[in-house]
Amino acid sequence: MSARLKTDDTADLESYLRLFAPYETQLRQFSGREGEYGARFALLFLQVVRLLIKPEGINRLIPKPFIKVARRYLRKEHEVVMHFSYEDNRHFFLSDLYDWLQIQERGQRMRQMGKSS
């Protein structure tokens, strides 16, 4: 399954998990390179911020700081763009969001198990 999203895809949990899937091991193993610029996670970061600004779906539940950062980044606010030019900062943002998404996925599975009982 491709990690690319069509422009009309809604922001649902599966869309995010598809984006993160190829990067899961890298996100877990990245130990950081403090103060270094670089391209690691740049594509994933851009795909995620584009998905975060969609007003529907799971984005209504995602903590607002993620949404605000995405909007500011896509508006090309200088300090935000500079902040996320560092690999460590992209990694931290993506890791936090991914952890939140995984909690949502586990909750969803538990609710489905409860319905089937």
Protein backbone atom coordinates (compact mmCIF):
# COMPACT_ATOMS: atom_id res chain seq x y z
CA MET A 1 0.00 0.00 0.00
CA SER A 2 1.36 3.40 -0.97
CA ALA A 3 2.03 6.05 1.63
CA ARG A 4 0.95 8.76 -0.82
CA LEU A 5 -2.37 10.43 -0.22
CA LYS A 6 -4.76 11.72 -2.80
CA THR A 7 -5.69 15.34 -2.31
CA ASP A 8 -9.28 14.35 -1.48
CA ASP A 9 -8.42 11.82 1.22
CA THR A 10 -10.02 12.55 4.55
CA ALA A 11 -7.97 12.83 7.68
CA ASP A 12 -8.69 9.52 9.35
CA LEU A 13 -6.59 7.36 11.63
CA GLU A 14 -5.70 4.96 8.82
CA SER A 15 -4.39 7.79 6.63
CA TYR A 16 -1.95 8.81 9.33
CA LEU A 17 -0.89 5.26 10.12
CA ARG A 18 -0.22 4.59 6.42
CA LEU A 19 2.03 7.66 6.30
CA PHE A 20 3.95 6.63 9.40
CA ALA A 21 4.29 2.91 8.58
CA PRO A 22 7.47 3.11 6.45
CA TYR A 23 9.14 5.32 9.08
CA GLU A 24 8.14 3.49 12.26
CA THR A 25 11.51 1.82 12.87
CA GLN A 26 13.45 4.98 12.00
CA LEU A 27 11.33 7.05 14.38
CA ARG A 28 11.94 4.58 17.20
CA GLN A 29 15.69 4.26 16.59
CA PHE A 30 16.59 7.87 15.83
CA SER A 31 18.82 9.11 18.62
CA GLY A 32 19.05 12.65 17.33
CA ARG A 33 21.77 14.81 15.91
CA GLU A 34 21.49 17.89 18.04
CA GLY A 35 21.67 21.16 16.18
CA GLU A 36 22.03 19.62 12.73
CA TYR A 37 20.08 20.47 9.64
CA GLY A 38 19.11 17.59 7.44
CA ALA A 39 16.44 15.93 5.41
CA ARG A 40 15.60 13.02 7.71
CA PHE A 41 11.82 12.85 8.16
CA ALA A 42 11.34 15.90 5.91
CA LEU A 43 8.95 14.16 3.49
CA LEU A 44 6.95 12.54 6.29
CA PHE A 45 6.78 15.86 8.13
CA LEU A 46 5.47 17.67 5.05
CA GLN A 47 2.87 14.97 4.35
CA VAL A 48 1.73 15.00 7.97
CA VAL A 49 1.38 18.78 8.24
CA ARG A 50 -0.65 18.81 5.02
CA LEU A 51 -2.97 16.19 6.46
CA LEU A 52 -3.20 17.95 9.83
CA ILE A 53 -4.80 21.06 8.33
CA LYS A 54 -7.80 19.17 6.96
CA PRO A 55 -10.79 20.12 9.12
CA GLU A 56 -12.59 16.79 9.15
CA GLY A 57 -12.10 13.30 10.52
CA ILE A 58 -9.72 12.54 13.33
CA ASN A 59 -8.21 16.01 13.14
CA ARG A 60 -11.11 17.21 15.31
CA LEU A 61 -9.63 15.08 18.12
CA ILE A 62 -5.92 15.69 17.60
CA PRO A 63 -4.45 18.01 20.25
CA LYS A 64 -4.63 21.58 18.96
CA PRO A 65 -0.89 22.36 19.24
CA PHE A 66 -0.21 19.89 16.41
CA ILE A 67 -2.80 21.60 14.20
CA LYS A 68 -1.52 25.09 15.04
CA VAL A 69 2.07 24.15 14.22
CA ALA A 70 0.98 22.64 10.91
CA ARG A 71 -0.88 25.78 9.93
CA ARG A 72 2.03 28.03 10.92
CA TYR A 73 4.50 25.84 9.04
CA LEU A 74 2.41 25.83 5.87
CA ARG A 75 2.00 29.63 6.14
CA LYS A 76 5.81 29.63 6.05
CA GLU A 77 6.22 31.51 9.31
CA HIS A 78 9.95 32.00 9.48
CA GLU A 79 10.56 30.88 13.06
CA VAL A 80 8.48 27.73 12.60
CA VAL A 81 10.15 26.81 9.31
CA MET A 82 13.57 27.37 10.89
CA HIS A 83 12.63 25.31 13.94
CA PHE A 84 11.61 22.35 11.80
CA SER A 85 14.68 22.58 9.60
CA TYR A 86 16.41 20.65 12.42
CA GLU A 87 16.02 16.88 12.29
CA ASP A 88 15.60 16.60 16.06
CA ASN A 89 12.63 18.95 16.04
CA ARG A 90 10.85 17.12 13.21
CA HIS A 91 11.56 13.82 14.96
CA PHE A 92 10.17 15.04 18.29
CA PHE A 93 7.00 16.44 16.67
CA LEU A 94 6.39 13.31 14.59
CA SER A 95 7.15 10.93 17.45
CA ASP A 96 4.72 12.69 19.76
CA LEU A 97 1.98 12.69 17.14
CA TYR A 98 2.64 9.04 16.29
CA ASP A 99 2.42 8.05 19.96
CA TRP A 100 -0.93 9.85 20.21
CA LEU A 101 -2.19 8.09 17.06
CA GLN A 102 -1.14 4.70 18.38
CA ILE A 103 -3.07 5.33 21.60
CA GLN A 104 -6.12 6.16 19.49
CA GLU A 105 -5.64 2.98 17.45
CA ARG A 106 -5.43 0.84 20.60
CA GLY A 107 -8.55 2.52 21.98
CA GLN A 108 -10.38 1.86 18.75
CA ARG A 109 -9.42 -1.83 18.84
CA MET A 110 -10.52 -2.12 22.46
CA ARG A 111 -13.89 -0.52 21.68
CA GLN A 112 -14.36 -2.95 18.78
CA MET A 113 -13.52 -5.88 21.04
CA GLY A 114 -16.06 -4.63 23.57
CA LYS A 115 -18.76 -4.45 20.90
CA SER A 116 -18.11 -7.99 19.75
CA SER A 117 -18.45 -9.44 23.27
